Amino acid sequence: MILVTGASGNVGAEVVRALAGGDEPVRALARDPRRIAVPEGVEAVAGDLGAPDALSFDGVRALFLLPGYPGVAEAAGKAGVEHIVQLSGVSAQTGDTSNAVTRYMMASEAEVIGCGAAWTILRPSAFASNALRWLPQLRDGDVIRVPFPEVRTAVLDPRDLGEMAAVVLRGNSRHGETLWPTGPEPLTPAEQVAILASVLGRELTCHGLTDAEARADMLETTPVEYVDAFFDFYVHGAIDESVVRPAVREILGRAPRTFEQWVTAHADAFR
């Protein structure tokens, strides 16, 4: 059996969809499984990653694991899980534990490497689905205010990441490897907004925030240590998510989906 954590999220849900209908049973874990719609044949179960000792790994051969939950990989390894695919982030390569995001990504990677199970680490670039954060602005008007307007990212369709994870989990493959999935092209926020406008047939304007404006906006909803982490990434240049890498093609045998394809597939959400 394959257990997928975070089954209600953008990535976990895609992993579940990609695994559904295969030869091996799939179990989807969420805090409240009643709130998720799983494909036919998938078992939805309740579980709290913050309480690893209470999780059940009975019959689980392989695990897809979200980052930031200490003790889960260790508990899985002790329970006999053979293979863990650990979601992480590109900043883990920097080794900078002063950055709050990097710190928990590094800790997650270190735990899975030392837990006794075979492991594969995924360090994806920024997700195309991050554009959903613009929905409140789109309801209010045609101007989208964005932080870090000059930063290019090779935005990745979470569906591609889910399909990659499914291939690795099913095949019990890529042991001891760190994979770097990205989208096919680096885009600025303004270019993403232009694509969104074209697909929706709507006149949209992208307004780039100053760093001061961006920090003030982010602090309204985000703890300061995480705001500082994002400024480290995108203002101070700690990471570069504009690099296009071949991981999706290598694993799936095709090019990664474009941002336009992602927007087209999710156009109803923006309408």
C-alpha atoms as a PDB file:
ATOM      1  CA  MET A   1       0.000   0.000   0.000  1.00  0.00           C
ATOM      2  CA  ILE A   2       1.023   3.593  -0.684  1.00  0.00           C
ATOM      3  CA  LEU A   3       0.159   6.251   1.894  1.00  0.00           C
ATOM      4  CA  VAL A   4      -0.123   9.876   0.752  1.00  0.00           C
ATOM      5  CA  THR A   5       0.000  12.621   3.375  1.00  0.00           C
ATOM      6  CA  GLY A   6      -1.505  16.059   2.792  1.00  0.00           C
ATOM      7  CA  ALA A   7      -4.154  14.556   0.544  1.00  0.00           C
ATOM      8  CA  SER A   8      -6.318  17.684   0.787  1.00  0.00           C
ATOM      9  CA  GLY A   9      -3.565  19.987  -0.511  1.00  0.00           C
ATOM     10  CA  ASN A  10      -2.559  21.055  -4.007  1.00  0.00           C
ATOM     11  CA  VAL A  11       0.307  18.561  -4.201  1.00  0.00           C
ATOM     12  CA  GLY A  12      -0.998  15.651  -2.133  1.00  0.00           C
ATOM     13  CA  ALA A  13      -4.280  15.604  -4.037  1.00  0.00           C
ATOM     14  CA  GLU A  14      -2.379  15.346  -7.324  1.00  0.00           C
ATOM     15  CA  VAL A  15      -0.268  12.470  -5.980  1.00  0.00           C
ATOM     16  CA  VAL A  16      -3.457  10.636  -4.997  1.00  0.00           C
ATOM     17  CA  ARG A  17      -5.039  11.200  -8.422  1.00  0.00           C
ATOM     18  CA  ALA A  18      -1.932   9.970 -10.199  1.00  0.00           C
ATOM     19  CA  LEU A  19      -1.751   6.810  -8.068  1.00  0.00           C
ATOM     20  CA  ALA A  20      -5.465   5.967  -8.221  1.00  0.00           C
ATOM     21  CA  GLY A  21      -6.443   3.026 -10.377  1.00  0.00           C
ATOM     22  CA  GLY A  22      -3.054   1.332 -10.180  1.00  0.00           C
ATOM     23  CA  ASP A  23      -2.267  -2.179  -9.030  1.00  0.00           C
ATOM     24  CA  GLU A  24      -1.315  -1.113  -5.505  1.00  0.00           C
ATOM     25  CA  PRO A  25      -3.855   0.160  -2.947  1.00  0.00           C
ATOM     26  CA  VAL A  26      -3.692   3.851  -2.045  1.00  0.00           C
ATOM     27  CA  ARG A  27      -4.506   5.473   1.287  1.00  0.00           C
ATOM     28  CA  ALA A  28      -5.062   9.254   1.450  1.00  0.00           C
ATOM     29  CA  LEU A  29      -4.379  10.891   4.805  1.00  0.00           C
ATOM     30  CA  ALA A  30      -5.909  14.206   5.863  1.00  0.00           C
ATOM     31  CA  ARG A  31      -6.909  15.852   9.136  1.00  0.00           C
ATOM     32  CA  ASP A  32     -10.553  15.609   8.098  1.00  0.00           C
ATOM     33  CA  PRO A  33     -11.030  13.035   5.319  1.00  0.00           C
ATOM     34  CA  ARG A  34     -14.726  13.963   5.067  1.00  0.00           C
ATOM     35  CA  ARG A  35     -13.670  17.205   3.396  1.00  0.00           C
ATOM     36  CA  ILE A  36     -11.735  15.624   0.537  1.00  0.00           C
ATOM     37  CA  ALA A  37     -13.023  13.910  -2.582  1.00  0.00           C
ATOM     38  CA  VAL A  38     -10.818  10.939  -3.400  1.00  0.00           C
ATOM     39  CA  PRO A  39     -10.940   8.865  -6.594  1.00  0.00           C
ATOM     40  CA  GLU A  40     -12.812   5.584  -6.544  1.00  0.00           C
ATOM     41  CA  GLY A  41     -10.847   2.835  -4.850  1.00  0.00           C
ATOM     42  CA  VAL A  42      -8.755   5.195  -2.698  1.00  0.00           C
ATOM     43  CA  GLU A  43      -9.133   4.877   1.071  1.00  0.00           C
ATOM     44  CA  ALA A  44      -9.404   8.208   2.900  1.00  0.00           C
ATOM     45  CA  VAL A  45      -8.233   8.174   6.528  1.00  0.00           C
ATOM     46  CA  ALA A  46      -7.874  10.727   9.309  1.00  0.00           C
ATOM     47  CA  GLY A  47      -4.462  11.527  10.708  1.00  0.00           C
ATOM     48  CA  ASP A  48      -2.466  14.324  12.287  1.00  0.00           C
ATOM     49  CA  LEU A  49       1.135  14.640  11.099  1.00  0.00           C
ATOM     50  CA  GLY A  50       1.808  16.645  14.230  1.00  0.00           C
ATOM     51  CA  ALA A  51       1.257  13.464  16.268  1.00  0.00           C
ATOM     52  CA  PRO A  52       3.497  10.912  14.517  1.00  0.00           C
ATOM     53  CA  ASP A  53       3.195   8.276  17.229  1.00  0.00           C
ATOM     54  CA  ALA A  54      -0.556   8.104  16.604  1.00  0.00           C
ATOM     55  CA  LEU A  55      -0.211   7.433  12.872  1.00  0.00           C
ATOM     56  CA  SER A  56      -0.817   3.933  11.526  1.00  0.00           C
ATOM     57  CA  PHE A  57       1.561   2.494   8.933  1.00  0.00           C
ATOM     58  CA  ASP A  58       0.021  -0.978   8.916  1.00  0.00           C
ATOM     59  CA  GLY A  59       0.431  -2.491   5.459  1.00  0.00           C
ATOM     60  CA  VAL A  60       2.162   0.631   4.106  1.00  0.00           C
ATOM     61  CA  ARG A  61       5.054  -0.087   1.736  1.00  0.00           C
ATOM     62  CA  ALA A  62       5.694   3.450   0.506  1.00  0.00           C
ATOM     63  CA  LEU A  63       4.955   6.952   1.783  1.00  0.00           C
ATOM     64  CA  PHE A  64       4.623  10.401   0.223  1.00  0.00           C
ATOM     65  CA  LEU A  65       5.531  12.850   2.972  1.00  0.00           C
ATOM     66  CA  LEU A  66       5.058  16.593   3.357  1.00  0.00           C
ATOM     67  CA  PRO A  67       7.943  18.561   4.912  1.00  0.00           C
ATOM     68  CA  GLY A  68       7.889  20.189   8.315  1.00  0.00           C
ATOM     69  CA  TYR A  69       6.552  17.347  10.462  1.00  0.00           C
ATOM     70  CA  PRO A  70       9.271  16.019  12.769  1.00  0.00           C
ATOM     71  CA  GLY A  71       9.026  12.387  13.770  1.00  0.00           C
ATOM     72  CA  VAL A  72       6.872  11.097  10.914  1.00  0.00           C
ATOM     73  CA  ALA A  73       9.700   9.702   8.767  1.00  0.00           C
ATOM     74  CA  GLU A  74      11.299   8.147  11.846  1.00  0.00           C
ATOM     75  CA  ALA A  75       8.007   6.526  12.852  1.00  0.00           C
ATOM     76  CA  ALA A  76       7.495   5.238   9.316  1.00  0.00           C
ATOM     77  CA  GLY A  77      10.990   3.774   9.193  1.00  0.00           C
ATOM     78  CA  LYS A  78      10.485   2.013  12.523  1.00  0.00           C
ATOM     79  CA  ALA A  79       7.159   0.630  11.283  1.00  0.00           C
ATOM     80  CA  GLY A  80       8.842  -0.985   8.279  1.00  0.00           C
ATOM     81  CA  VAL A  81       7.897   1.432   5.493  1.00  0.00           C
ATOM     82  CA  GLU A  82      10.313   0.594   2.674  1.00  0.00           C
ATOM     83  CA  HIS A  83      10.410   3.820   0.647  1.00  0.00           C
ATOM     84  CA  ILE A  84       9.647   7.458   1.472  1.00  0.00           C
ATOM     85  CA  VAL A  85       9.297  10.187  -1.150  1.00  0.00           C
ATOM     86  CA  GLN A  86       9.957  13.398   0.768  1.00  0.00           C
ATOM     87  CA  LEU A  87       8.658  16.711  -0.550  1.00  0.00           C
ATOM     88  CA  SER A  88      11.150  19.508   0.121  1.00  0.00           C
ATOM     89  CA  GLY A  89      12.182  22.796  -1.487  1.00  0.00           C
ATOM     90  CA  VAL A  90      15.030  24.249  -3.494  1.00  0.00           C
ATOM     91  CA  SER A  91      16.316  26.295  -0.546  1.00  0.00           C
ATOM     92  CA  ALA A  92      17.410  23.134   1.280  1.00  0.00           C
ATOM     93  CA  GLN A  93      20.573  23.175  -0.831  1.00  0.00           C
ATOM     94  CA  THR A  94      21.724  26.443   0.750  1.00  0.00           C
ATOM     95  CA  GLY A  95      22.334  24.979   4.202  1.00  0.00           C
ATOM     96  CA  ASP A  96      21.183  28.236   5.803  1.00  0.00           C
ATOM     97  CA  THR A  97      19.482  27.304   9.063  1.00  0.00           C
ATOM     98  CA  SER A  98      18.909  30.966   9.906  1.00  0.00           C
ATOM     99  CA  ASN A  99      16.149  30.966   7.259  1.00  0.00           C
ATOM    100  CA  ALA A 100      12.921  29.605   8.793  1.00  0.00           C
ATOM    101  CA  VAL A 101      11.718  27.866   5.617  1.00  0.00           C
ATOM    102  CA  THR A 102      15.117  26.414   4.774  1.00  0.00           C
ATOM    103  CA  ARG A 103      15.531  25.188   8.327  1.00  0.00           C
ATOM    104  CA  TYR A 104      12.448  22.975   8.323  1.00  0.00           C
ATOM    105  CA  MET A 105      13.139  21.726   4.783  1.00  0.00           C
ATOM    106  CA  MET A 106      16.663  20.716   5.811  1.00  0.00           C
ATOM    107  CA  ALA A 107      15.388  19.047   8.978  1.00  0.00           C
ATOM    108  CA  SER A 108      12.837  17.059   6.983  1.00  0.00           C
ATOM    109  CA  GLU A 109      15.476  15.886   4.526  1.00  0.00           C
ATOM    110  CA  ALA A 110      17.903  14.925   7.291  1.00  0.00           C
ATOM    111  CA  GLU A 111      15.258  12.888   9.099  1.00  0.00           C
ATOM    112  CA  VAL A 112      14.155  10.946   6.023  1.00  0.00           C
ATOM    113  CA  ILE A 113      17.760  10.193   5.075  1.00  0.00           C
ATOM    114  CA  GLY A 114      18.450   8.822   8.543  1.00  0.00           C
ATOM    115  CA  CYS A 115      15.169   6.974   9.198  1.00  0.00           C
ATOM    116  CA  GLY A 116      16.221   3.601   7.810  1.00  0.00           C
ATOM    117  CA  ALA A 117      13.870   3.521   4.816  1.00  0.00           C
ATOM    118  CA  ALA A 118      14.944   4.066   1.220  1.00  0.00           C
ATOM    119  CA  TRP A 119      14.326   7.687   0.282  1.00  0.00           C
ATOM    120  CA  THR A 120      13.813  10.046  -2.636  1.00  0.00           C
ATOM    121  CA  ILE A 121      13.716  13.821  -2.192  1.00  0.00           C
ATOM    122  CA  LEU A 122      11.741  16.204  -4.417  1.00  0.00           C
ATOM    123  CA  ARG A 123      12.843  19.854  -4.535  1.00  0.00           C
ATOM    124  CA  PRO A 124      10.326  21.551  -6.861  1.00  0.00           C
ATOM    125  CA  SER A 125      10.361  25.116  -8.092  1.00  0.00           C
ATOM    126  CA  ALA A 126       7.479  27.474  -7.272  1.00  0.00           C
ATOM    127  CA  PHE A 127       4.027  26.132  -8.115  1.00  0.00           C
ATOM    128  CA  ALA A 128       1.731  27.475 -10.820  1.00  0.00           C
ATOM    129  CA  SER A 129      -1.084  27.070  -8.288  1.00  0.00           C
ATOM    130  CA  ASN A 130       0.423  29.933  -6.266  1.00  0.00           C
ATOM    131  CA  ALA A 131      -1.529  32.149  -8.676  1.00  0.00           C
ATOM    132  CA  LEU A 132      -4.677  31.184  -6.765  1.00  0.00           C
ATOM    133  CA  ARG A 133      -3.567  33.664  -4.101  1.00  0.00           C
ATOM    134  CA  TRP A 134      -4.704  36.380  -6.536  1.00  0.00           C
ATOM    135  CA  LEU A 135      -8.357  35.311  -6.311  1.00  0.00           C
ATOM    136  CA  PRO A 136      -9.398  37.929  -3.707  1.00  0.00           C
ATOM    137  CA  GLN A 137      -7.902  40.695  -5.844  1.00  0.00           C
ATOM    138  CA  LEU A 138      -9.624  39.373  -8.968  1.00  0.00           C
ATOM    139  CA  ARG A 139     -12.966  39.499  -7.177  1.00  0.00           C
ATOM    140  CA  ASP A 140     -12.357  43.159  -6.332  1.00  0.00           C
ATOM    141  CA  GLY A 141     -11.106  44.394  -9.683  1.00  0.00           C
ATOM    142  CA  ASP A 142      -8.664  44.044 -12.562  1.00  0.00           C
ATOM    143  CA  VAL A 143      -5.413  45.073 -10.854  1.00  0.00           C
ATOM    144  CA  ILE A 144      -3.217  42.385  -9.316  1.00  0.00           C
ATOM    145  CA  ARG A 145      -0.621  43.653  -6.839  1.00  0.00           C
ATOM    146  CA  VAL A 146       2.415  41.371  -6.645  1.00  0.00           C
ATOM    147  CA  PRO A 147       5.539  41.243  -4.482  1.00  0.00           C
ATOM    148  CA  PHE A 148       8.978  40.698  -6.011  1.00  0.00           C
ATOM    149  CA  PRO A 149       7.854  41.770  -9.525  1.00  0.00           C
ATOM    150  CA  GLU A 150      11.254  41.255 -11.162  1.00  0.00           C
ATOM    151  CA  VAL A 151      11.736  37.663  -9.970  1.00  0.00           C
ATOM    152  CA  ARG A 152      11.409  34.934 -12.580  1.00  0.00           C
ATOM    153  CA  THR A 153      10.333  31.442 -11.575  1.00  0.00           C
ATOM    154  CA  ALA A 154      10.025  28.296 -13.685  1.00  0.00           C
ATOM    155  CA  VAL A 155       6.558  27.673 -12.284  1.00  0.00           C
ATOM    156  CA  LEU A 156       5.600  24.013 -12.003  1.00  0.00           C
ATOM    157  CA  ASP A 157       2.166  22.483 -12.458  1.00  0.00           C
ATOM    158  CA  PRO A 158       1.465  20.485  -9.264  1.00  0.00           C
ATOM    159  CA  ARG A 159      -0.054  17.807 -11.504  1.00  0.00           C
ATOM    160  CA  ASP A 160       3.394  17.163 -12.970  1.00  0.00           C
ATOM    161  CA  LEU A 161       4.850  16.861  -9.488  1.00  0.00           C
ATOM    162  CA  GLY A 162       2.081  14.473  -8.483  1.00  0.00           C
ATOM    163  CA  GLU A 163       2.662  12.297 -11.534  1.00  0.00           C
ATOM    164  CA  MET A 164       6.410  12.273 -10.908  1.00  0.00           C
ATOM    165  CA  ALA A 165       5.922  11.220  -7.306  1.00  0.00           C
ATOM    166  CA  ALA A 166       3.518   8.488  -8.419  1.00  0.00           C
ATOM    167  CA  VAL A 167       6.025   7.050 -10.881  1.00  0.00           C
ATOM    168  CA  VAL A 168       8.748   6.956  -8.232  1.00  0.00           C
ATOM    169  CA  LEU A 169       6.431   5.490  -5.575  1.00  0.00           C
ATOM    170  CA  ARG A 170       4.961   2.826  -7.832  1.00  0.00           C
ATOM    171  CA  GLY A 171       8.304   1.820  -9.239  1.00  0.00           C
ATOM    172  CA  ASN A 172      10.085   1.821  -5.883  1.00  0.00           C
ATOM    173  CA  SER A 173      12.779   3.677  -7.797  1.00  0.00           C
ATOM    174  CA  ARG A 174      15.203   6.605  -7.572  1.00  0.00           C
ATOM    175  CA  HIS A 175      16.450   5.546  -4.153  1.00  0.00           C
ATOM    176  CA  GLY A 176      18.946   7.986  -2.660  1.00  0.00           C
ATOM    177  CA  GLU A 177      18.280  10.635  -5.323  1.00  0.00           C
ATOM    178  CA  THR A 178      17.287  14.288  -5.046  1.00  0.00           C
ATOM    179  CA  LEU A 179      15.105  15.378  -7.966  1.00  0.00           C
ATOM    180  CA  TRP A 180      14.521  18.991  -9.039  1.00  0.00           C
ATOM    181  CA  PRO A 181      11.232  19.301 -10.985  1.00  0.00           C
ATOM    182  CA  THR A 182      10.509  22.645 -12.660  1.00  0.00           C
ATOM    183  CA  GLY A 183       8.178  24.128 -15.216  1.00  0.00           C
ATOM    184  CA  PRO A 184       9.302  24.699 -18.822  1.00  0.00           C
ATOM    185  CA  GLU A 185      10.034  28.441 -18.738  1.00  0.00           C
ATOM    186  CA  PRO A 186      10.904  31.187 -16.246  1.00  0.00           C
ATOM    187  CA  LEU A 187       8.149  33.796 -15.955  1.00  0.00           C
ATOM    188  CA  THR A 188       7.829  37.081 -14.096  1.00  0.00           C
ATOM    189  CA  PRO A 189       4.596  37.785 -12.209  1.00  0.00           C
ATOM    190  CA  ALA A 190       3.614  40.241 -14.956  1.00  0.00           C
ATOM    191  CA  GLU A 191       4.015  37.538 -17.593  1.00  0.00           C
ATOM    192  CA  GLN A 192       1.884  35.177 -15.520  1.00  0.00           C
ATOM    193  CA  VAL A 193      -0.805  37.835 -15.160  1.00  0.00           C
ATOM    194  CA  ALA A 194      -0.747  38.456 -18.931  1.00  0.00           C
ATOM    195  CA  ILE A 195      -1.275  34.745 -19.572  1.00  0.00           C
ATOM    196  CA  LEU A 196      -4.112  34.676 -17.061  1.00  0.00           C
ATOM    197  CA  ALA A 197      -5.725  37.690 -18.741  1.00  0.00           C
ATOM    198  CA  SER A 198      -5.489  36.055 -22.161  1.00  0.00           C
ATOM    199  CA  VAL A 199      -7.058  32.789 -21.020  1.00  0.00           C
ATOM    200  CA  LEU A 200      -9.856  34.529 -19.114  1.00  0.00           C
ATOM    201  CA  GLY A 201     -10.473  37.125 -21.829  1.00  0.00           C
ATOM    202  CA  ARG A 202     -10.143  39.825 -19.210  1.00  0.00           C
ATOM    203  CA  GLU A 203      -8.166  43.077 -19.083  1.00  0.00           C
ATOM    204  CA  LEU A 204      -5.808  42.653 -16.153  1.00  0.00           C
ATOM    205  CA  THR A 205      -2.983  44.859 -14.927  1.00  0.00           C
ATOM    206  CA  CYS A 206      -0.019  43.709 -12.878  1.00  0.00           C
ATOM    207  CA  HIS A 207       1.191  46.235 -10.303  1.00  0.00           C
ATOM    208  CA  GLY A 208       4.578  45.484  -8.780  1.00  0.00           C
ATOM    209  CA  LEU A 209       4.903  46.325  -5.088  1.00  0.00           C
ATOM    210  CA  THR A 210       7.962  47.953  -3.617  1.00  0.00           C
ATOM    211  CA  ASP A 211       9.821  45.873  -1.054  1.00  0.00           C
ATOM    212  CA  ALA A 212       8.403  48.038   1.728  1.00  0.00           C
ATOM    213  CA  GLU A 213       4.855  47.606   0.424  1.00  0.00           C
ATOM    214  CA  ALA A 214       5.338  43.887   0.003  1.00  0.00           C
ATOM    215  CA  ARG A 215       6.669  43.457   3.530  1.00  0.00           C
ATOM    216  CA  ALA A 216       3.763  45.408   5.017  1.00  0.00           C
ATOM    217  CA  ASP A 217       1.212  43.347   3.075  1.00  0.00           C
ATOM    218  CA  MET A 218       2.822  40.021   3.940  1.00  0.00           C
ATOM    219  CA  LEU A 219       3.092  40.816   7.635  1.00  0.00           C
ATOM    220  CA  GLU A 220      -0.703  41.124   7.804  1.00  0.00           C
ATOM    221  CA  THR A 221      -1.061  37.356   7.312  1.00  0.00           C
ATOM    222  CA  THR A 222       2.403  35.808   7.701  1.00  0.00           C
ATOM    223  CA  PRO A 223       4.718  35.482  10.735  1.00  0.00           C
ATOM    224  CA  VAL A 224       7.749  37.741  10.511  1.00  0.00           C
ATOM    225  CA  GLU A 225      10.258  34.862  10.356  1.00  0.00           C
ATOM    226  CA  TYR A 226       8.598  33.574   7.188  1.00  0.00           C
ATOM    227  CA  VAL A 227       8.382  37.040   5.660  1.00  0.00           C
ATOM    228  CA  ASP A 228      12.100  37.375   6.321  1.00  0.00           C
ATOM    229  CA  ALA A 229      12.635  33.980   4.672  1.00  0.00           C
ATOM    230  CA  PHE A 230      10.864  35.059   1.462  1.00  0.00           C
ATOM    231  CA  PHE A 231      12.820  38.304   1.349  1.00  0.00           C
ATOM    232  CA  ASP A 232      15.990  36.256   1.735  1.00  0.00           C
ATOM    233  CA  PHE A 233      14.915  34.123  -1.223  1.00  0.00           C
ATOM    234  CA  TYR A 234      13.645  36.747  -3.629  1.00  0.00           C
ATOM    235  CA  VAL A 235      15.256  40.054  -2.630  1.00  0.00           C
ATOM    236  CA  HIS A 236      18.644  38.894  -1.383  1.00  0.00           C
ATOM    237  CA  GLY A 237      18.822  36.115  -3.988  1.00  0.00           C
ATOM    238  CA  ALA A 238      19.389  33.106  -1.735  1.00  0.00           C
ATOM    239  CA  ILE A 239      17.679  30.873  -4.312  1.00  0.00           C
ATOM    240  CA  ASP A 240      17.164  30.980  -8.069  1.00  0.00           C
ATOM    241  CA  GLU A 241      13.921  29.356  -9.215  1.00  0.00           C
ATOM    242  CA  SER A 242      14.321  30.577 -12.790  1.00  0.00           C
ATOM    243  CA  VAL A 243      16.500  27.602 -13.734  1.00  0.00           C
ATOM    244  CA  VAL A 244      14.706  25.106 -15.991  1.00  0.00           C
ATOM    245  CA  ARG A 245      15.696  21.528 -15.185  1.00  0.00           C
ATOM    246  CA  PRO A 246      15.026  18.223 -17.007  1.00  0.00           C
ATOM    247  CA  ALA A 247      13.556  16.181 -14.128  1.00  0.00           C
ATOM    248  CA  VAL A 248       9.947  16.154 -15.369  1.00  0.00           C
ATOM    249  CA  ARG A 249      10.972  14.998 -18.851  1.00  0.00           C
ATOM    250  CA  GLU A 250      13.337  12.386 -17.428  1.00  0.00           C
ATOM    251  CA  ILE A 251      10.688  10.849 -15.183  1.00  0.00           C
ATOM    252  CA  LEU A 252       7.532  11.323 -17.266  1.00  0.00           C
ATOM    253  CA  GLY A 253       8.986  11.174 -20.766  1.00  0.00           C
ATOM    254  CA  ARG A 254       7.420  14.476 -21.822  1.00  0.00           C
ATOM    255  CA  ALA A 255       7.848  18.195 -21.358  1.00  0.00           C
ATOM    256  CA  PRO A 256       6.396  19.809 -18.224  1.00  0.00           C
ATOM    257  CA  ARG A 257       3.061  21.547 -18.616  1.00  0.00           C
ATOM    258  CA  THR A 258       3.142  25.287 -19.225  1.00  0.00           C
ATOM    259  CA  PHE A 259       1.620  27.933 -16.999  1.00  0.00           C
ATOM    260  CA  GLU A 260      -0.907  28.593 -19.760  1.00  0.00           C
ATOM    261  CA  GLN A 261      -1.969  24.944 -19.675  1.00  0.00           C
ATOM    262  CA  TRP A 262      -2.371  25.117 -15.913  1.00  0.00           C
ATOM    263  CA  VAL A 263      -4.448  28.304 -16.099  1.00  0.00           C
ATOM    264  CA  THR A 264      -6.620  26.835 -18.855  1.00  0.00           C
ATOM    265  CA  ALA A 265      -7.289  23.729 -16.783  1.00  0.00           C
ATOM    266  CA  HIS A 266      -8.242  25.856 -13.753  1.00  0.00           C
ATOM    267  CA  ALA A 267      -9.951  28.754 -15.495  1.00  0.00           C
ATOM    268  CA  ASP A 268     -13.252  28.120 -13.717  1.00  0.00           C
ATOM    269  CA  ALA A 269     -11.579  28.749 -10.360  1.00  0.00           C
ATOM    270  CA  PHE A 270     -10.620  32.244 -11.533  1.00  0.00           C
ATOM    271  CA  ARG A 271     -14.080  32.976 -12.894  1.00  0.00           C
END
